C-alpha atoms as a PDB file:
ATOM      1  CA  PRO A   1      58.870-121.508  69.974  1.00  0.00           C
ATOM      2  CA  PHE A   2      58.766-119.912  73.408  1.00  0.00           C
ATOM      3  CA  ALA A   3      57.123-118.396  76.404  1.00  0.00           C
ATOM      4  CA  ALA A   4      58.252-116.660  79.540  1.00  0.00           C
ATOM      5  CA  PRO A   5      60.232-118.835  81.946  1.00  0.00           C
ATOM      6  CA  SER A   6      58.659-119.802  85.220  1.00  0.00           C
ATOM      7  CA  LYS A   7      59.567-117.774  88.294  1.00  0.00           C
ATOM      8  CA  ALA A   8      61.905-120.548  89.355  1.00  0.00           C
ATOM      9  CA  ALA A   9      63.781-120.596  86.062  1.00  0.00           C
ATOM     10  CA  ALA A  10      67.410-119.534  86.137  1.00  0.00           C
ATOM     11  CA  PRO A  11      68.374-116.436  84.095  1.00  0.00           C
ATOM     12  CA  LEU A  12      69.455-117.285  80.566  1.00  0.00           C
ATOM     13  CA  THR A  13      72.259-115.177  79.142  1.00  0.00           C
ATOM     14  CA  ILE A  14      72.270-114.672  75.389  1.00  0.00           C
ATOM     15  CA  PRO A  15      75.867-115.292  74.210  1.00  0.00           C
ATOM     16  CA  THR A  16      77.454-112.786  71.865  1.00  0.00           C
ATOM     17  CA  ALA A  17      79.969-113.067  69.048  1.00  0.00           C
ATOM     18  CA  SER A  18      82.451-114.682  71.418  1.00  0.00           C
ATOM     19  CA  GLY A  19      80.796-118.007  70.834  1.00  0.00           C
ATOM     20  CA  VAL A  20      78.343-120.598  72.067  1.00  0.00           C
ATOM     21  CA  SER A  21      77.996-121.437  75.725  1.00  0.00           C
ATOM     22  CA  PRO A  22      80.072-124.593  76.469  1.00  0.00           C
ATOM     23  CA  ALA A  23      77.088-126.082  78.305  1.00  0.00           C
ATOM     24  CA  ARG A  24      75.009-125.826  75.156  1.00  0.00           C
ATOM     25  CA  GLY A  25      77.673-126.210  72.515  1.00  0.00           C
ATOM     26  CA  ASN A  26      75.381-128.276  70.285  1.00  0.00           C
ATOM     27  CA  LEU A  27      73.015-125.358  69.640  1.00  0.00           C
ATOM     28  CA  PRO A  28      73.084-123.303  66.437  1.00  0.00           C
ATOM     29  CA  ALA A  29      75.149-120.123  66.293  1.00  0.00           C
ATOM     30  CA  VAL A  30      73.698-117.375  68.464  1.00  0.00           C
ATOM     31  CA  PRO A  31      73.444-113.657  67.727  1.00  0.00           C
ATOM     32  CA  ALA A  32      76.791-112.018  67.014  1.00  0.00           C
ATOM     33  CA  ALA A  33      77.855-108.762  68.681  1.00  0.00           C
ATOM     34  CA  ALA A  34      76.055-106.651  66.087  1.00  0.00           C
ATOM     35  CA  TYR A  35      72.815-108.401  66.946  1.00  0.00           C
ATOM     36  CA  ASP A  36      73.075-107.985  70.701  1.00  0.00           C
ATOM     37  CA  ARG A  37      70.764-105.022  71.105  1.00  0.00           C
ATOM     38  CA  ILE A  38      67.775-106.723  69.479  1.00  0.00           C
ATOM     39  CA  ALA A  39      68.681-110.085  70.993  1.00  0.00           C
ATOM     40  CA  GLN A  40      68.581-108.593  74.483  1.00  0.00           C
ATOM     41  CA  GLN A  41      65.281-106.858  73.684  1.00  0.00           C
ATOM     42  CA  CYS A  42      63.888-110.247  72.687  1.00  0.00           C
ATOM     43  CA  ARG A  43      65.161-111.819  75.875  1.00  0.00           C
ATOM     44  CA  ALA A  44      63.474-109.115  77.945  1.00  0.00           C
ATOM     45  CA  ILE A  45      60.188-109.571  76.060  1.00  0.00           C
ATOM     46  CA  PHE A  46      60.171-113.327  76.580  1.00  0.00           C
ATOM     47  CA  ALA A  47      60.553-112.742  80.323  1.00  0.00           C
ATOM     48  CA  ILE A  48      57.151-111.018  80.423  1.00  0.00           C
ATOM     49  CA  GLU A  49      54.807-113.443  82.166  1.00  0.00           C
ATOM     50  CA  ASP A  50      51.514-112.031  80.871  1.00  0.00           C
ATOM     51  CA  ALA A  51      50.959-113.793  77.512  1.00  0.00           C
ATOM     52  CA  ALA A  52      48.959-110.982  75.918  1.00  0.00           C
ATOM     53  CA  LYS A  53      51.481-108.316  76.925  1.00  0.00           C
ATOM     54  CA  ARG A  54      54.383-110.491  75.817  1.00  0.00           C
ATOM     55  CA  LYS A  55      52.807-111.087  72.412  1.00  0.00           C
ATOM     56  CA  ALA A  56      52.016-107.389  71.919  1.00  0.00           C
ATOM     57  CA  ALA A  57      55.551-106.335  72.839  1.00  0.00           C
ATOM     58  CA  PHE A  58      57.048-108.960  70.571  1.00  0.00           C
ATOM     59  CA  GLU A  59      54.910-107.911  67.606  1.00  0.00           C
ATOM     60  CA  THR A  60      55.920-104.284  68.152  1.00  0.00           C
ATOM     61  CA  LEU A  61      59.576-105.299  68.029  1.00  0.00           C
ATOM     62  CA  VAL A  62      59.128-107.357  64.855  1.00  0.00           C
ATOM     63  CA  ARG A  63      57.263-104.555  63.084  1.00  0.00           C
ATOM     64  CA  ALA A  64      59.970-102.084  64.042  1.00  0.00           C
ATOM     65  CA  THR A  65      62.749-104.369  62.807  1.00  0.00           C
ATOM     66  CA  THR A  66      63.115-104.127  59.037  1.00  0.00           C
ATOM     67  CA  ASP A  67      66.749-105.037  58.367  1.00  0.00           C
ATOM     68  CA  VAL A  68      67.800-108.628  57.802  1.00  0.00           C
ATOM     69  CA  THR A  69      70.421-108.470  60.532  1.00  0.00           C
ATOM     70  CA  GLY A  70      67.869-107.536  63.151  1.00  0.00           C
ATOM     71  CA  LEU A  71      65.357-110.120  61.936  1.00  0.00           C
ATOM     72  CA  LYS A  72      68.000-112.819  62.051  1.00  0.00           C
ATOM     73  CA  ALA A  73      68.804-111.799  65.615  1.00  0.00           C
ATOM     74  CA  ILE A  74      65.152-112.337  66.521  1.00  0.00           C
ATOM     75  CA  VAL A  75      65.059-115.737  64.820  1.00  0.00           C
ATOM     76  CA  GLU A  76      68.232-116.964  66.473  1.00  0.00           C
ATOM     77  CA  THR A  77      67.161-115.677  69.865  1.00  0.00           C
ATOM     78  CA  MET A  78      63.806-117.417  69.544  1.00  0.00           C
ATOM     79  CA  LEU A  79      65.585-120.633  68.639  1.00  0.00           C
ATOM     80  CA  TRP A  80      68.023-120.307  71.512  1.00  0.00           C
ATOM     81  CA  LEU A  81      65.259-119.780  74.033  1.00  0.00           C
ATOM     82  CA  SER A  82      63.100-122.565  72.640  1.00  0.00           C
ATOM     83  CA  LEU A  83      65.917-125.079  73.005  1.00  0.00           C
ATOM     84  CA  ALA A  84      66.929-123.987  76.491  1.00  0.00           C
ATOM     85  CA  SER A  85      65.919-126.676  78.947  1.00  0.00           C
ATOM     86  CA  ASP A  86      64.581-124.185  81.481  1.00  0.00           C
ATOM     87  CA  HIS A  87      62.131-122.518  79.090  1.00  0.00           C
ATOM     88  CA  VAL A  88      58.654-123.618  78.045  1.00  0.00           C
ATOM     89  CA  SER A  89      57.614-123.571  74.391  1.00  0.00           C
ATOM     90  CA  ASP A  90      54.709-121.444  73.188  1.00  0.00           C
ATOM     91  CA  PRO A  91      53.907-121.010  69.467  1.00  0.00           C
ATOM     92  CA  ALA A  92      52.240-117.597  69.781  1.00  0.00           C
ATOM     93  CA  GLU A  93      55.342-115.481  69.110  1.00  0.00           C
ATOM     94  CA  PHE A  94      56.648-117.923  66.512  1.00  0.00           C
ATOM     95  CA  ASP A  95      53.424-117.618  64.515  1.00  0.00           C
ATOM     96  CA  SER A  96      53.354-113.851  64.898  1.00  0.00           C
ATOM     97  CA  PHE A  97      56.902-113.433  63.622  1.00  0.00           C
ATOM     98  CA  TRP A  98      56.361-115.308  60.367  1.00  0.00           C
ATOM     99  CA  ASP A  99      52.880-113.915  59.831  1.00  0.00           C
ATOM    100  CA  ILE A 100      54.045-110.312  60.142  1.00  0.00           C
ATOM    101  CA  LEU A 101      57.118-110.874  58.030  1.00  0.00           C
ATOM    102  CA  ALA A 102      55.325-112.775  55.255  1.00  0.00           C
ATOM    103  CA  LYS A 103      52.759-110.012  54.876  1.00  0.00           C
ATOM    104  CA  ARG A 104      55.413-107.311  54.849  1.00  0.00           C
ATOM    105  CA  ASP A 105      58.144-108.896  52.730  1.00  0.00           C
ATOM    106  CA  VAL A 106      57.716-112.504  51.677  1.00  0.00           C
ATOM    107  CA  ASN A 107      61.132-112.625  49.968  1.00  0.00           C
ATOM    108  CA  THR A 108      62.905-111.736  53.202  1.00  0.00           C
ATOM    109  CA  ALA A 109      60.792-114.316  55.031  1.00  0.00           C
ATOM    110  CA  VAL A 110      61.806-117.027  52.575  1.00  0.00           C
ATOM    111  CA  SER A 111      65.447-115.994  52.802  1.00  0.00           C
ATOM    112  CA  LEU A 112      65.337-116.332  56.572  1.00  0.00           C
ATOM    113  CA  ILE A 113      63.642-119.717  56.318  1.00  0.00           C
ATOM    114  CA  GLU A 114      66.386-120.976  54.028  1.00  0.00           C
ATOM    115  CA  SER A 115      69.014-119.888  56.562  1.00  0.00           C
ATOM    116  CA  CYS A 116      67.214-121.581  59.448  1.00  0.00           C
ATOM    117  CA  PRO A 117      68.148-124.945  60.917  1.00  0.00           C
ATOM    118  CA  VAL A 118      65.842-127.782  59.854  1.00  0.00           C
ATOM    119  CA  LEU A 119      63.990-127.543  63.184  1.00  0.00           C
ATOM    120  CA  TRP A 120      62.722-124.093  62.232  1.00  0.00           C
ATOM    121  CA  HIS A 121      62.693-124.424  58.486  1.00  0.00           C
ATOM    122  CA  THR A 122      59.998-127.082  58.500  1.00  0.00           C
ATOM    123  CA  ASP A 123      57.547-125.195  60.713  1.00  0.00           C
ATOM    124  CA  ALA A 124      58.230-121.740  59.318  1.00  0.00           C
ATOM    125  CA  ALA A 125      57.610-122.811  55.726  1.00  0.00           C
ATOM    126  CA  SER A 126      53.955-123.579  56.340  1.00  0.00           C
ATOM    127  CA  LYS A 127      53.510-120.194  58.059  1.00  0.00           C
ATOM    128  CA  VAL A 128      54.891-118.248  55.104  1.00  0.00           C
ATOM    129  CA  MET A 129      53.623-120.365  52.213  1.00  0.00           C
ATOM    130  CA  ARG A 130      49.988-119.255  52.385  1.00  0.00           C
ATOM    131  CA  GLU A 131      50.826-115.566  52.086  1.00  0.00           C
ATOM    132  CA  TRP A 132      53.407-116.237  49.380  1.00  0.00           C
ATOM    133  CA  ALA A 133      51.018-118.353  47.277  1.00  0.00           C
ATOM    134  CA  ALA A 134      48.387-115.621  47.473  1.00  0.00           C
ATOM    135  CA  LYS A 135      50.902-113.188  45.960  1.00  0.00           C
ATOM    136  CA  ASP A 136      53.009-115.339  43.641  1.00  0.00           C
ATOM    137  CA  PRO A 137      51.777-118.955  43.478  1.00  0.00           C
ATOM    138  CA  LEU A 138      54.181-120.062  40.745  1.00  0.00           C
ATOM    139  CA  ALA A 139      57.212-118.909  42.714  1.00  0.00           C
ATOM    140  CA  ALA A 140      55.864-120.620  45.831  1.00  0.00           C
ATOM    141  CA  MET A 141      55.343-123.859  43.887  1.00  0.00           C
ATOM    142  CA  ARG A 142      58.866-123.776  42.465  1.00  0.00           C
ATOM    143  CA  TRP A 143      60.362-123.202  45.889  1.00  0.00           C
ATOM    144  CA  LEU A 144      58.333-125.954  47.510  1.00  0.00           C
ATOM    145  CA  GLN A 145      59.260-128.403  44.757  1.00  0.00           C
ATOM    146  CA  GLY A 146      62.942-127.833  45.451  1.00  0.00           C
ATOM    147  CA  ALA A 147      62.704-127.748  49.253  1.00  0.00           C
ATOM    148  CA  GLU A 148      64.458-131.050  49.920  1.00  0.00           C
ATOM    149  CA  ARG A 149      64.503-130.559  53.690  1.00  0.00           C
ATOM    150  CA  LEU A 150      60.707-130.639  53.807  1.00  0.00           C
ATOM    151  CA  THR A 151      59.386-134.176  54.212  1.00  0.00           C
ATOM    152  CA  GLY A 152      56.438-136.006  55.709  1.00  0.00           C
ATOM    153  CA  HIS A 153      54.144-133.941  57.914  1.00  0.00           C
ATOM    154  CA  SER A 154      56.111-130.729  57.357  1.00  0.00           C
ATOM    155  CA  LEU A 155      55.819-131.073  53.588  1.00  0.00           C
ATOM    156  CA  ASP A 156      52.084-131.744  53.904  1.00  0.00           C
ATOM    157  CA  GLU A 157      51.574-128.648  56.053  1.00  0.00           C
ATOM    158  CA  ALA A 158      53.496-126.428  53.646  1.00  0.00           C
ATOM    159  CA  THR A 159      51.592-127.881  50.682  1.00  0.00           C
ATOM    160  CA  LEU A 160      48.261-127.292  52.398  1.00  0.00           C
ATOM    161  CA  SER A 161      49.204-123.689  53.136  1.00  0.00           C
ATOM    162  CA  LEU A 162      50.217-123.184  49.510  1.00  0.00           C
ATOM    163  CA  ILE A 163      46.906-124.552  48.224  1.00  0.00           C
ATOM    164  CA  ARG A 164      44.874-122.399  50.599  1.00  0.00           C
ATOM    165  CA  GLY A 165      46.821-119.278  49.728  1.00  0.00           C
ATOM    166  CA  TYR A 166      46.550-120.003  46.017  1.00  0.00           C
ATOM    167  CA  ALA A 167      42.801-120.591  46.384  1.00  0.00           C
ATOM    168  CA  SER A 168      42.325-117.168  47.942  1.00  0.00           C
ATOM    169  CA  ARG A 169      43.727-115.741  44.706  1.00  0.00           C
ATOM    170  CA  ASP A 170      42.315-118.147  42.099  1.00  0.00           C
ATOM    171  CA  LEU A 171      40.048-120.919  43.395  1.00  0.00           C
ATOM    172  CA  LYS A 172      39.657-122.698  40.056  1.00  0.00           C
ATOM    173  CA  ALA A 173      43.390-122.843  39.348  1.00  0.00           C
ATOM    174  CA  ALA A 174      44.200-123.826  42.946  1.00  0.00           C
ATOM    175  CA  THR A 175      41.662-126.653  42.798  1.00  0.00           C
ATOM    176  CA  ALA A 176      43.183-127.983  39.596  1.00  0.00           C
ATOM    177  CA  TYR A 177      46.637-127.802  41.162  1.00  0.00           C
ATOM    178  CA  ALA A 178      45.498-129.603  44.313  1.00  0.00           C
ATOM    179  CA  LEU A 179      43.823-132.388  42.332  1.00  0.00           C
ATOM    180  CA  SER A 180      47.004-132.842  40.286  1.00  0.00           C
ATOM    181  CA  ILE A 181      49.298-133.395  43.270  1.00  0.00           C
ATOM    182  CA  VAL A 182      47.071-134.980  45.938  1.00  0.00           C
ATOM    183  CA  LYS A 183      45.275-138.205  45.053  1.00  0.00           C
ATOM    184  CA  PRO A 184      41.904-139.216  46.547  1.00  0.00           C
ATOM    185  CA  ASP A 185      43.286-142.447  48.001  1.00  0.00           C
ATOM    186  CA  GLU A 186      45.816-140.540  50.127  1.00  0.00           C
ATOM    187  CA  GLY A 187      44.963-139.679  53.715  1.00  0.00           C
ATOM    188  CA  PHE A 188      46.137-136.121  53.089  1.00  0.00           C
ATOM    189  CA  PHE A 189      43.381-135.652  50.492  1.00  0.00           C
ATOM    190  CA  ASN A 190      40.713-135.486  53.187  1.00  0.00           C
ATOM    191  CA  ARG A 191      42.669-132.842  55.083  1.00  0.00           C
ATOM    192  CA  VAL A 192      43.122-130.672  51.996  1.00  0.00           C
ATOM    193  CA  SER A 193      39.451-131.009  51.019  1.00  0.00           C
ATOM    194  CA  THR A 194      38.247-130.215  54.527  1.00  0.00           C
ATOM    195  CA  GLU A 195      40.350-127.070  54.859  1.00  0.00           C
ATOM    196  CA  LEU A 196      39.609-125.879  51.323  1.00  0.00           C
ATOM    197  CA  THR A 197      35.848-126.332  51.645  1.00  0.00           C
ATOM    198  CA  GLY A 198      35.961-124.499  54.967  1.00  0.00           C
ATOM    199  CA  ASP A 199      37.711-121.546  53.317  1.00  0.00           C
ATOM    200  CA  ILE A 200      35.167-121.528  50.496  1.00  0.00           C
ATOM    201  CA  VAL A 201      32.230-121.458  52.910  1.00  0.00           C
ATOM    202  CA  GLN A 202      33.805-118.671  54.912  1.00  0.00           C
ATOM    203  CA  LYS A 203      34.291-116.581  51.776  1.00  0.00           C
ATOM    204  CA  SER A 204      31.279-117.505  49.610  1.00  0.00           C
ATOM    205  CA  GLY A 205      28.810-119.360  51.832  1.00  0.00           C
ATOM    206  CA  THR A 206      27.147-122.693  51.085  1.00  0.00           C
ATOM    207  CA  GLU A 207      25.985-121.544  47.655  1.00  0.00           C
ATOM    208  CA  GLY A 208      29.587-120.878  46.713  1.00  0.00           C
ATOM    209  CA  LEU A 209      30.551-124.296  48.040  1.00  0.00           C
ATOM    210  CA  LEU A 210      27.908-126.061  45.929  1.00  0.00           C
ATOM    211  CA  ALA A 211      28.889-124.101  42.826  1.00  0.00           C
ATOM    212  CA  TRP A 212      32.519-125.099  43.370  1.00  0.00           C
ATOM    213  CA  PHE A 213      31.564-128.751  43.841  1.00  0.00           C
ATOM    214  CA  ALA A 214      29.393-128.780  40.711  1.00  0.00           C
ATOM    215  CA  ALA A 215      32.343-127.562  38.641  1.00  0.00           C
ATOM    216  CA  LEU A 216      34.695-130.329  39.809  1.00  0.00           C
ATOM    217  CA  PRO A 217      35.662-132.875  37.152  1.00  0.00           C
ATOM    218  CA  GLU A 218      33.939-136.239  37.399  1.00  0.00           C
ATOM    219  CA  GLY A 219      35.958-138.983  39.013  1.00  0.00           C
ATOM    220  CA  PRO A 220      37.089-140.514  42.320  1.00  0.00           C
ATOM    221  CA  ALA A 221      38.149-137.136  43.733  1.00  0.00           C
ATOM    222  CA  LYS A 222      34.679-135.680  43.320  1.00  0.00           C
ATOM    223  CA  GLN A 223      33.160-138.727  45.007  1.00  0.00           C
ATOM    224  CA  GLU A 224      35.474-138.302  48.017  1.00  0.00           C
ATOM    225  CA  ILE A 225      34.752-134.587  48.263  1.00  0.00           C
ATOM    226  CA  PHE A 226      31.004-135.331  48.112  1.00  0.00           C
ATOM    227  CA  ASN A 227      31.127-136.657  51.654  1.00  0.00           C
ATOM    228  CA  ILE A 228      32.952-133.561  52.951  1.00  0.00           C
ATOM    229  CA  VAL A 229      30.512-131.196  51.244  1.00  0.00           C
ATOM    230  CA  GLY A 230      27.582-133.142  52.690  1.00  0.00           C
ATOM    231  CA  ALA A 231      29.034-132.980  56.192  1.00  0.00           C
ATOM    232  CA  ARG A 232      29.517-129.201  55.948  1.00  0.00           C
ATOM    233  CA  LEU A 233      25.973-128.673  54.698  1.00  0.00           C
ATOM    234  CA  GLY A 234      24.616-130.870  57.468  1.00  0.00           C
ATOM    235  CA  LYS A 235      26.188-128.629  60.107  1.00  0.00           C
ATOM    236  CA  LEU A 236      25.359-125.314  58.452  1.00  0.00           C
ATOM    237  CA  ASN A 237      21.986-125.884  56.786  1.00  0.00           C
ATOM    238  CA  PRO A 238      20.307-129.319  57.174  1.00  0.00           C
ATOM    239  CA  THR A 239      17.407-128.309  54.906  1.00  0.00           C
ATOM    240  CA  GLN A 240      19.798-127.358  52.134  1.00  0.00           C
ATOM    241  CA  MET A 241      21.658-130.610  52.682  1.00  0.00           C
ATOM    242  CA  ARG A 242      18.460-132.636  52.221  1.00  0.00           C
ATOM    243  CA  GLN A 243      17.662-130.764  49.010  1.00  0.00           C
ATOM    244  CA  TRP A 244      21.178-131.282  47.730  1.00  0.00           C
ATOM    245  CA  LEU A 245      21.160-134.998  48.526  1.00  0.00           C
ATOM    246  CA  ASP A 246      17.827-135.396  46.748  1.00  0.00           C
ATOM    247  CA  ALA A 247      19.199-133.643  43.664  1.00  0.00           C
ATOM    248  CA  GLU A 248      22.453-135.607  43.642  1.00  0.00           C
ATOM    249  CA  ALA A 249      21.023-139.069  44.339  1.00  0.00           C
ATOM    250  CA  GLY A 250      21.033-140.172  40.704  1.00  0.00           C
ATOM    251  CA  ASN A 251      24.570-139.022  39.909  1.00  0.00           C
ATOM    252  CA  SER A 252      27.485-141.416  39.579  1.00  0.00           C
ATOM    253  CA  HIS A 253      29.720-139.278  41.783  1.00  0.00           C
ATOM    254  CA  ARG A 254      27.444-139.578  44.807  1.00  0.00           C
ATOM    255  CA  ASN A 255      29.042-141.046  47.906  1.00  0.00           C
ATOM    256  CA  ASP A 256      26.905-143.763  49.479  1.00  0.00           C
ATOM    257  CA  GLU A 257      28.441-143.131  52.891  1.00  0.00           C
ATOM    258  CA  THR A 258      26.943-139.634  52.917  1.00  0.00           C
ATOM    259  CA  TYR A 259      23.463-141.099  52.385  1.00  0.00           C
ATOM    260  CA  ARG A 260      24.087-143.850  54.904  1.00  0.00           C
ATOM    261  CA  VAL A 261      24.948-141.320  57.618  1.00  0.00           C
ATOM    262  CA  PHE A 262      22.011-139.102  56.671  1.00  0.00           C
ATOM    263  CA  ILE A 263      19.548-141.991  56.864  1.00  0.00           C
ATOM    264  CA  ALA A 264      20.990-143.208  60.176  1.00  0.00           C
ATOM    265  CA  GLN A 265      20.468-139.740  61.672  1.00  0.00           C
ATOM    266  CA  MET A 266      16.908-139.582  60.343  1.00  0.00           C
ATOM    267  CA  ALA A 267      16.164-143.034  61.752  1.00  0.00           C
ATOM    268  CA  LYS A 268      16.913-141.867  65.296  1.00  0.00           C
ATOM    269  CA  THR A 269      13.831-139.647  65.233  1.00  0.00           C
ATOM    270  CA  ASP A 270      11.640-141.194  62.513  1.00  0.00           C
ATOM    271  CA  PRO A 271      12.667-144.712  61.454  1.00  0.00           C
ATOM    272  CA  ARG A 272       9.703-145.149  59.093  1.00  0.00           C
ATOM    273  CA  ALA A 273      10.583-141.960  57.198  1.00  0.00           C
ATOM    274  CA  ALA A 274      14.200-143.135  57.073  1.00  0.00           C
ATOM    275  CA  MET A 275      13.140-146.491  55.644  1.00  0.00           C
ATOM    276  CA  ASP A 276      10.924-144.834  53.046  1.00  0.00           C
ATOM    277  CA  TYR A 277      13.816-142.580  52.044  1.00  0.00           C
ATOM    278  CA  ALA A 278      16.259-145.483  51.771  1.00  0.00           C
ATOM    279  CA  LEU A 279      13.930-147.665  49.700  1.00  0.00           C
ATOM    280  CA  ASN A 280      13.089-144.812  47.340  1.00  0.00           C
ATOM    281  CA  LEU A 281      16.668-143.745  46.628  1.00  0.00           C
ATOM    282  CA  PRO A 282      17.933-144.467  43.110  1.00  0.00           C
ATOM    283  CA  PRO A 283      20.046-147.642  43.075  1.00  0.00           C
ATOM    284  CA  SER A 284      23.601-147.221  44.269  1.00  0.00           C
ATOM    285  CA  PRO A 285      26.004-146.630  41.355  1.00  0.00           C
ATOM    286  CA  HIS A 286      28.732-148.323  43.406  1.00  0.00           C
ATOM    287  CA  GLN A 287      26.827-151.321  44.822  1.00  0.00           C
ATOM    288  CA  PRO A 288      24.425-152.636  42.187  1.00  0.00           C
ATOM    289  CA  GLY A 289      21.167-153.811  43.713  1.00  0.00           C
ATOM    290  CA  ALA A 290      21.915-152.348  47.144  1.00  0.00           C
ATOM    291  CA  PHE A 291      19.523-150.103  49.033  1.00  0.00           C
ATOM    292  CA  VAL A 292      21.830-147.792  50.954  1.00  0.00           C
ATOM    293  CA  GLY A 293      20.795-147.163  54.552  1.00  0.00           C
ATOM    294  CA  VAL A 294      18.129-149.854  54.982  1.00  0.00           C
ATOM    295  CA  GLY A 295      20.200-151.540  57.677  1.00  0.00           C
ATOM    296  CA  SER A 296      20.387-148.436  59.891  1.00  0.00           C
ATOM    297  CA  ALA A 297      16.696-147.707  59.467  1.00  0.00           C
ATOM    298  CA  SER A 298      15.739-151.329  60.175  1.00  0.00           C
ATOM    299  CA  PHE A 299      17.734-151.650  63.394  1.00  0.00           C
ATOM    300  CA  GLU A 300      16.453-148.367  64.799  1.00  0.00           C
ATOM    301  CA  TRP A 301      12.849-149.304  63.996  1.00  0.00           C
ATOM    302  CA  LEU A 302      13.124-152.847  65.324  1.00  0.00           C
ATOM    303  CA  ALA A 303      14.586-151.590  68.598  1.00  0.00           C
ATOM    304  CA  ARG A 304      11.621-149.221  69.013  1.00  0.00           C
ATOM    305  CA  ASP A 305       8.641-151.140  67.652  1.00  0.00           C
ATOM    306  CA  ARG A 306       9.196-154.614  66.256  1.00  0.00           C
ATOM    307  CA  ALA A 307       5.518-155.155  65.433  1.00  0.00           C
ATOM    308  CA  ALA A 308       5.279-151.925  63.402  1.00  0.00           C
ATOM    309  CA  PHE A 309       8.430-152.846  61.532  1.00  0.00           C
ATOM    310  CA  ALA A 310       7.098-156.332  60.751  1.00  0.00           C
ATOM    311  CA  ASN A 311       3.839-154.862  59.419  1.00  0.00           C
ATOM    312  CA  TYR A 312       5.804-152.467  57.207  1.00  0.00           C
ATOM    313  CA  TYR A 313       7.945-155.324  55.922  1.00  0.00           C
ATOM    314  CA  GLN A 314       4.856-157.423  55.094  1.00  0.00           C
ATOM    315  CA  SER A 315       3.361-154.470  53.206  1.00  0.00           C
ATOM    316  CA  LEU A 316       6.287-154.446  50.793  1.00  0.00           C
ATOM    317  CA  PRO A 317       5.970-156.485  47.584  1.00  0.00           C
ATOM    318  CA  VAL A 318       7.871-159.738  47.540  1.00  0.00           C
ATOM    319  CA  GLY A 319      11.157-159.041  45.818  1.00  0.00           C
ATOM    320  CA  VAL A 320      14.282-156.903  45.990  1.00  0.00           C
ATOM    321  CA  GLN A 321      13.230-154.523  48.769  1.00  0.00           C
ATOM    322  CA  ARG A 322      12.415-157.310  51.222  1.00  0.00           C
ATOM    323  CA  GLU A 323      15.582-159.137  50.208  1.00  0.00           C
ATOM    324  CA  ALA A 324      17.670-156.026  50.790  1.00  0.00           C
ATOM    325  CA  ILE A 325      16.291-155.578  54.310  1.00  0.00           C
ATOM    326  CA  VAL A 326      16.898-159.196  55.289  1.00  0.00           C
ATOM    327  CA  LYS A 327      20.400-159.160  53.810  1.00  0.00           C
ATOM    328  CA  ALA A 328      21.329-155.977  55.687  1.00  0.00           C
ATOM    329  CA  LEU A 329      20.088-157.422  58.973  1.00  0.00           C
ATOM    330  CA  GLN A 330      21.843-160.761  58.495  1.00  0.00           C
ATOM    331  CA  GLU A 331      25.155-159.099  57.620  1.00  0.00           C
ATOM    332  CA  ALA A 332      24.972-156.823  60.657  1.00  0.00           C
ATOM    333  CA  LEU A 333      24.147-159.734  62.977  1.00  0.00           C
ATOM    334  CA  ASN A 334      27.544-161.209  62.113  1.00  0.00           C
ATOM    335  CA  ASP A 335      29.212-158.171  63.697  1.00  0.00           C
ATOM    336  CA  PRO A 336      30.366-159.114  67.238  1.00  0.00           C
ATOM    337  CA  ASP A 337      30.254-155.433  68.244  1.00  0.00           C
ATOM    338  CA  LEU A 338      26.542-155.045  67.456  1.00  0.00           C
ATOM    339  CA  PRO A 339      24.743-153.884  70.654  1.00  0.00           C
ATOM    340  CA  ILE A 340      22.468-156.535  72.152  1.00  0.00           C
ATOM    341  CA  LYS A 341      19.520-154.134  72.338  1.00  0.00           C
ATOM    342  CA  LYS A 342      19.657-153.851  68.554  1.00  0.00           C
ATOM    343  CA  GLY A 343      20.781-157.368  67.769  1.00  0.00           C
ATOM    344  CA  LEU A 344      18.088-159.303  69.637  1.00  0.00           C
ATOM    345  CA  PRO A 345      15.044-157.645  67.984  1.00  0.00           C
ATOM    346  CA  ALA A 346      16.659-158.163  64.594  1.00  0.00           C
ATOM    347  CA  LEU A 347      17.414-161.821  65.377  1.00  0.00           C
ATOM    348  CA  TRP A 348      13.830-162.434  66.545  1.00  0.00           C
ATOM    349  CA  PHE A 349      12.520-160.808  63.377  1.00  0.00           C
ATOM    350  CA  ILE A 350      14.698-162.980  61.126  1.00  0.00           C
ATOM    351  CA  GLU A 351      13.736-166.122  63.033  1.00  0.00           C
ATOM    352  CA  GLY A 352      10.059-165.197  62.641  1.00  0.00           C
ATOM    353  CA  LEU A 353      10.387-165.231  58.864  1.00  0.00           C
ATOM    354  CA  ARG A 354      11.367-168.898  58.790  1.00  0.00           C
END
């Protein structure tokens, strides 16, 4: 997209129907003679140096332009200016154009996208898809499925926009659709889950988020989303997060990493409470016999008060809890990146048991 040229930039003339400038003959076709009036208006707007004024003037032009010919003139002028070597890109007007058009007439927006060069097609699709999916999700899905020019990151962005738009219309159906096309072992799954949970919180609060999570089907996807839900609760309402973690601890879809992070944070201020919490959690459904978080709690406590930690350890009955603590410490001591201030107290403690 585009911004005003610097004061030192040479004037850029928008060619007319006579053809493409020989110096830039590799650029797409520029506005024809019939487009010149709007094309020159665009050029004048992009020369405005004040970003806010430029954006306001551009949006006024787009809203006043309702015919396809005029809209195409704007698109082609934007593309011409964005590719000119003496102009600096700025996405503000690009985003505004597609946002305004998608809300006013999504069919015209899609038609323009399909006529765009790949450079524009890939970015514009994600801008329009959210509005389209909110109005007609099935049509948006069909179009996206057949959009062969969309690949990689551009396809992901358009898919994410579709899911978010669909969710604003029908959260349950959009969730089912997302789970059917994005698998939990894909890196994109985390992005989709993060954006979707953020939209849910914004619309329905944390209670709405928890209700949505509770309704998810059991399986690997729910376990992955568990961690994202926990992170959102931790930022928005730590007390509610603690209550939720307590309630979910015995479920098979719990994510041990969520508990591990929670216990590590608790250990920074109260390592004994963190250790009590870790040792009283139901056994991990994913690591039989493991006490999630005992390592973090142990290292924090040892670094602060080795004698108090040793007394606590001796107060535990001989058996699985002691074994879990020693195992966690020994495994961590094999990590070459373990800080010395944590490693040495742990090493001295282990040596003292022999």
